Amino acid sequence: MARYFFHLFGGPDVILDEDGIEIGDFEEARTEVKRTIGQLQCEDPAEASKWKGWNLEVVDRFGKVALSISLDEKPERLHSARPQL
């Protein structure tokens, strides 16, 4: 298990995940990323457009990017994404 952080980047704006979560394998990482993107896109449909152009980056405790995906993508796109865990 390793701790990964889910940072959001939108142009000059950055929202850093300071807590992170423990992730053990690819399937768990993919599930968490899909859940996170789904929440951001679906919590409030009126708010979903505010995330257009933003990216979600999953980074390890050293800051190495394991996975980066545009929030413009549907969470289902992650079926072929392979994070470097």
C-alpha atoms as a PDB file:
ATOM      1  CA  MET A   1       0.000   0.000   0.000  1.00  0.00           C
ATOM      2  CA  ALA A   2       1.175   3.494  -0.785  1.00  0.00           C
ATOM      3  CA  ARG A   3      -0.289   6.946  -0.200  1.00  0.00           C
ATOM      4  CA  TYR A   4      -1.419   8.848  -3.287  1.00  0.00           C
ATOM      5  CA  PHE A   5      -2.736  12.381  -3.591  1.00  0.00           C
ATOM      6  CA  PHE A   6      -5.444  13.628  -5.959  1.00  0.00           C
ATOM      7  CA  HIS A   7      -4.530  17.147  -7.100  1.00  0.00           C
ATOM      8  CA  LEU A   8      -6.714  19.319  -9.332  1.00  0.00           C
ATOM      9  CA  PHE A   9      -5.235  21.744 -11.865  1.00  0.00           C
ATOM     10  CA  GLY A  10      -7.232  24.289 -13.844  1.00  0.00           C
ATOM     11  CA  GLY A  11      -5.074  26.866 -15.581  1.00  0.00           C
ATOM     12  CA  PRO A  12      -3.609  29.063 -12.863  1.00  0.00           C
ATOM     13  CA  ASP A  13      -5.833  27.473 -10.204  1.00  0.00           C
ATOM     14  CA  VAL A  14      -4.632  24.520  -8.142  1.00  0.00           C
ATOM     15  CA  ILE A  15      -6.414  22.479  -5.476  1.00  0.00           C
ATOM     16  CA  LEU A  16      -3.946  20.238  -3.650  1.00  0.00           C
ATOM     17  CA  ASP A  17      -5.000  17.099  -1.805  1.00  0.00           C
ATOM     18  CA  GLU A  18      -3.058  17.370   1.428  1.00  0.00           C
ATOM     19  CA  ASP A  19      -4.344  14.117   2.961  1.00  0.00           C
ATOM     20  CA  GLY A  20      -4.201  11.553   0.169  1.00  0.00           C
ATOM     21  CA  ILE A  21      -5.408   7.975   0.430  1.00  0.00           C
ATOM     22  CA  GLU A  22      -3.763   4.564   0.679  1.00  0.00           C
ATOM     23  CA  ILE A  23      -3.929   2.674  -2.623  1.00  0.00           C
ATOM     24  CA  GLY A  24      -2.803  -0.901  -3.068  1.00  0.00           C
ATOM     25  CA  ASP A  25      -3.200  -1.678  -6.765  1.00  0.00           C
ATOM     26  CA  PHE A  26      -4.307  -0.479 -10.197  1.00  0.00           C
ATOM     27  CA  GLU A  27      -7.936  -1.513  -9.784  1.00  0.00           C
ATOM     28  CA  GLU A  28      -8.265   0.385  -6.523  1.00  0.00           C
ATOM     29  CA  ALA A  29      -6.628   3.482  -8.037  1.00  0.00           C
ATOM     30  CA  ARG A  30      -8.871   3.376 -11.074  1.00  0.00           C
ATOM     31  CA  THR A  31     -11.983   2.961  -8.935  1.00  0.00           C
ATOM     32  CA  GLU A  32     -11.031   5.933  -6.766  1.00  0.00           C
ATOM     33  CA  VAL A  33     -10.270   8.160  -9.779  1.00  0.00           C
ATOM     34  CA  LYS A  34     -13.590   7.227 -11.423  1.00  0.00           C
ATOM     35  CA  ARG A  35     -15.428   7.968  -8.177  1.00  0.00           C
ATOM     36  CA  THR A  36     -13.689  11.319  -7.763  1.00  0.00           C
ATOM     37  CA  ILE A  37     -14.350  12.440 -11.342  1.00  0.00           C
ATOM     38  CA  GLY A  38     -17.928  11.216 -11.147  1.00  0.00           C
ATOM     39  CA  GLN A  39     -18.485  13.259  -7.992  1.00  0.00           C
ATOM     40  CA  LEU A  40     -17.037  16.393  -9.529  1.00  0.00           C
ATOM     41  CA  GLN A  41     -19.106  16.003 -12.705  1.00  0.00           C
ATOM     42  CA  CYS A  42     -22.381  14.854 -11.190  1.00  0.00           C
ATOM     43  CA  GLU A  43     -22.822  16.341  -7.727  1.00  0.00           C
ATOM     44  CA  ASP A  44     -24.509  19.373  -9.216  1.00  0.00           C
ATOM     45  CA  PRO A  45     -24.956  19.384 -12.995  1.00  0.00           C
ATOM     46  CA  ALA A  46     -24.963  23.188 -12.972  1.00  0.00           C
ATOM     47  CA  GLU A  47     -21.546  23.125 -11.304  1.00  0.00           C
ATOM     48  CA  ALA A  48     -20.070  20.466 -13.636  1.00  0.00           C
ATOM     49  CA  SER A  49     -19.237  23.034 -16.310  1.00  0.00           C
ATOM     50  CA  LYS A  50     -16.959  24.828 -13.837  1.00  0.00           C
ATOM     51  CA  TRP A  51     -14.564  21.848 -14.030  1.00  0.00           C
ATOM     52  CA  LYS A  52     -14.181  22.115 -17.813  1.00  0.00           C
ATOM     53  CA  GLY A  53     -10.498  22.412 -18.658  1.00  0.00           C
ATOM     54  CA  TRP A  54      -9.351  21.036 -15.296  1.00  0.00           C
ATOM     55  CA  ASN A  55      -7.108  17.987 -14.843  1.00  0.00           C
ATOM     56  CA  LEU A  56      -6.884  15.458 -12.043  1.00  0.00           C
ATOM     57  CA  GLU A  57      -3.387  14.219 -11.240  1.00  0.00           C
ATOM     58  CA  VAL A  58      -2.708  11.293  -8.961  1.00  0.00           C
ATOM     59  CA  VAL A  59       0.756  11.673  -7.453  1.00  0.00           C
ATOM     60  CA  ASP A  60       2.792   9.616  -5.014  1.00  0.00           C
ATOM     61  CA  ARG A  61       4.356  10.966  -1.827  1.00  0.00           C
ATOM     62  CA  PHE A  62       7.405  12.079  -3.824  1.00  0.00           C
ATOM     63  CA  GLY A  63       5.306  14.091  -6.276  1.00  0.00           C
ATOM     64  CA  LYS A  64       5.704  11.613  -9.164  1.00  0.00           C
ATOM     65  CA  VAL A  65       2.594  11.634 -11.366  1.00  0.00           C
ATOM     66  CA  ALA A  66       1.038   8.160 -11.520  1.00  0.00           C
ATOM     67  CA  LEU A  67      -2.024   9.182 -13.551  1.00  0.00           C
ATOM     68  CA  SER A  68      -3.293  12.374 -15.150  1.00  0.00           C
ATOM     69  CA  ILE A  69      -6.718  12.760 -16.740  1.00  0.00           C
ATOM     70  CA  SER A  70      -8.803  15.649 -18.001  1.00  0.00           C
ATOM     71  CA  LEU A  71     -12.029  16.267 -16.119  1.00  0.00           C
ATOM     72  CA  ASP A  72     -13.589  16.830 -19.533  1.00  0.00           C
ATOM     73  CA  GLU A  73     -13.376  13.052 -19.989  1.00  0.00           C
ATOM     74  CA  LYS A  74     -16.076  10.693 -18.820  1.00  0.00           C
ATOM     75  CA  PRO A  75     -15.004   8.452 -15.915  1.00  0.00           C
ATOM     76  CA  GLU A  76     -15.622   5.398 -18.133  1.00  0.00           C
ATOM     77  CA  ARG A  77     -12.574   6.396 -20.222  1.00  0.00           C
ATOM     78  CA  LEU A  78     -10.393   5.072 -17.437  1.00  0.00           C
ATOM     79  CA  HIS A  79     -10.961   1.455 -18.480  1.00  0.00           C
ATOM     80  CA  SER A  80      -7.728   1.595 -20.467  1.00  0.00           C
ATOM     81  CA  ALA A  81      -5.727   4.007 -18.304  1.00  0.00           C
ATOM     82  CA  ARG A  82      -2.735   2.443 -16.589  1.00  0.00           C
ATOM     83  CA  PRO A  83      -1.359   4.343 -13.626  1.00  0.00           C
ATOM     84  CA  GLN A  84       2.281   3.803 -12.721  1.00  0.00           C
ATOM     85  CA  LEU A  85       1.743   2.480  -9.221  1.00  0.00           C
END
